[in-house]
Protein backbone atom coordinates (compact mmCIF):
# COMPACT_ATOMS: atom_id res chain seq x y z
CA MET A 1 -44.54 -9.57 27.92
CA LYS A 2 -47.54 -9.13 25.67
CA ILE A 3 -50.85 -8.16 27.26
CA THR A 4 -53.77 -9.84 25.46
CA ARG A 5 -57.50 -9.23 25.57
CA GLN A 6 -57.86 -12.33 27.70
CA HIS A 7 -55.44 -10.91 30.29
CA ARG A 8 -57.46 -7.69 30.44
CA ARG A 9 -60.70 -9.66 30.65
CA ASN A 10 -59.34 -11.76 33.52
CA ALA A 11 -58.13 -8.61 35.30
CA ARG A 12 -61.60 -7.06 34.92
CA LEU A 13 -63.24 -10.18 36.35
CA LEU A 14 -60.70 -10.18 39.17
CA TRP A 15 -61.51 -6.51 39.88
CA GLN A 16 -65.23 -7.27 39.99
CA SER A 17 -64.62 -10.13 42.40
CA VAL A 18 -62.72 -7.98 44.93
CA CYS A 19 -65.18 -5.06 44.97
CA VAL A 20 -67.99 -4.79 47.50
CA ASN A 21 -70.54 -2.11 46.55
CA GLY A 22 -68.01 -0.63 44.13
CA ILE A 23 -65.25 -0.41 46.75
CA PRO A 24 -62.28 -2.81 46.62
CA ASP A 25 -61.79 -4.85 49.80
CA ALA A 26 -58.17 -5.29 50.95
CA ASP A 27 -58.68 -8.85 52.23
CA ARG A 28 -60.35 -9.90 49.00
CA ILE A 29 -57.50 -8.35 47.00
CA ARG A 30 -54.89 -10.31 48.96
CA ALA A 31 -56.78 -13.58 48.52
CA ALA A 32 -57.38 -12.96 44.80
CA VAL A 33 -53.73 -12.15 44.14
CA ARG A 34 -52.68 -15.35 45.94
CA ASP A 35 -55.15 -17.36 43.84
CA VAL A 36 -53.96 -15.81 40.58
CA LEU A 37 -50.32 -16.48 41.42
CA GLN A 38 -51.11 -20.12 42.20
CA ASN A 39 -53.47 -20.87 39.32
CA GLU A 40 -52.63 -18.67 36.34
CA GLY A 41 -49.06 -19.86 35.67
CA ARG A 42 -47.22 -17.70 33.16
CA ALA A 43 -50.25 -15.48 32.55
CA ALA A 44 -50.33 -14.39 36.21
CA GLU A 45 -47.88 -11.54 35.70
CA ALA A 46 -49.87 -10.06 32.79
CA VAL A 47 -53.22 -10.39 34.59
CA LEU A 48 -51.83 -8.82 37.76
CA LEU A 49 -50.24 -5.97 35.79
CA CYS A 50 -53.66 -5.14 34.27
CA PHE A 51 -55.26 -5.48 37.71
CA VAL A 52 -52.75 -3.09 39.30
CA GLN A 53 -53.42 -0.54 36.55
CA ARG A 54 -57.15 -0.69 37.39
CA LEU A 55 -56.35 -0.26 41.07
CA GLU A 56 -54.13 2.77 40.40
CA VAL A 57 -56.86 4.43 38.33
CA TYR A 58 -59.38 3.78 41.10
CA ILE A 59 -57.11 5.25 43.77
CA ARG A 60 -56.27 8.29 41.66
CA ALA A 61 -59.96 8.98 41.04
CA ASN A 62 -61.21 8.32 44.58
CA GLN A 63 -58.52 9.50 46.97
CA VAL A 64 -58.55 13.00 48.36
CA GLY A 65 -55.22 14.74 48.81
CA VAL A 66 -54.98 17.70 51.18
CA ILE A 67 -51.85 19.81 50.82
CA SER A 68 -51.08 22.53 53.33
CA ALA A 69 -48.22 24.94 53.94
CA ASP A 70 -47.65 23.60 57.43
CA LEU A 71 -48.29 20.29 59.14
CA LEU A 72 -51.92 20.01 60.23
CA SER A 73 -52.60 18.90 63.78
CA ALA A 74 -54.48 15.66 64.46
CA PRO A 75 -57.73 17.50 65.35
CA GLN A 76 -57.49 19.55 62.14
CA GLN A 77 -56.94 16.39 60.07
CA GLU A 78 -59.88 14.68 61.77
CA ARG A 79 -62.09 17.69 61.13
CA LEU A 80 -61.19 17.74 57.43
CA ALA A 81 -61.63 13.97 57.17
CA GLY A 82 -65.07 14.36 58.75
CA LEU A 83 -66.07 16.82 56.03
CA PHE A 84 -65.33 14.23 53.33
CA SER A 85 -66.34 11.02 55.09
CA GLY A 86 -69.99 12.09 55.40
CA THR A 87 -70.33 12.04 51.62
CA GLU A 88 -69.68 9.56 48.84
CA THR A 89 -66.75 11.77 47.80
CA VAL A 90 -63.93 9.74 49.27
CA LYS A 91 -63.67 5.98 48.92
CA ALA A 92 -59.91 5.44 48.78
CA GLY A 93 -58.97 7.58 51.78
CA ILE A 94 -57.47 10.95 52.52
CA SER A 95 -53.79 11.78 52.37
CA PHE A 96 -52.24 14.81 54.02
CA SER A 97 -48.99 16.39 52.82
CA VAL A 98 -47.00 19.58 53.34
CA ASP A 99 -45.70 22.04 50.74
CA PRO A 100 -44.08 25.15 52.30
CA ALA A 101 -44.27 26.97 48.94
CA LEU A 102 -48.03 27.39 49.44
CA ILE A 103 -47.36 30.03 52.14
CA GLY A 104 -50.78 29.40 53.73
CA GLY A 105 -54.18 27.90 53.03
CA LEU A 106 -55.10 24.51 51.58
CA ARG A 107 -55.07 22.74 48.24
CA VAL A 108 -57.54 19.84 47.96
CA GLU A 109 -57.21 17.38 45.08
CA LYS A 110 -59.65 14.61 44.20
CA GLY A 111 -58.98 12.88 40.93
CA TYR A 112 -58.66 15.67 38.40
CA GLN A 113 -60.61 18.18 40.48
CA VAL A 114 -58.52 20.73 42.37
CA THR A 115 -59.68 23.32 44.87
CA ASP A 116 -56.84 25.74 45.54
CA VAL A 117 -57.39 28.29 48.30
CA THR A 118 -53.74 28.93 49.06
CA ILE A 119 -52.10 32.30 49.49
CA ALA A 120 -49.64 31.42 46.72
CA ARG A 121 -52.54 30.91 44.28
CA GLN A 122 -54.23 34.12 45.37
CA LEU A 123 -50.96 35.98 44.75
CA GLU A 124 -50.72 34.43 41.27
CA ILE A 125 -54.26 35.58 40.47
CA LEU A 126 -53.51 39.08 41.76
CA LYS A 127 -50.28 39.25 39.74
CA SER A 128 -52.03 38.21 36.52
CA ARG A 129 -54.78 40.80 37.08
CA LEU A 130 -52.26 43.57 37.69
CA LEU A 131 -50.23 42.66 34.61
CA LYS A 132 -53.36 42.66 32.41
CA HIS A 133 -54.09 46.33 33.02
């Protein structure tokens, strides 16, 4: 399947139609996808592929990922979510995951920004400093 400029243009217009104040609305997305599938014919697949790519970029740039060494309790997750929800930082939500290799601490990722305050990272920094001298 060849993606043309017109497919990309239609996907951009579709994206603009589902966003409210720069944030995509789930109900509008569902309705728009239904409309495209009904009205676009053979071009629907190409337009929706371009649209999904836009959505993936948006989610990657606007979702906050919190990785911890151990499962965070519900109050801890709520407290962290409260830190981000008061700002314009997070639009696509917060995801929590566990990586036992971190030993302790947290790693927070938003788009390409990473804040790593884990024990594993601190040990890496210490190791590199010791090997320098």
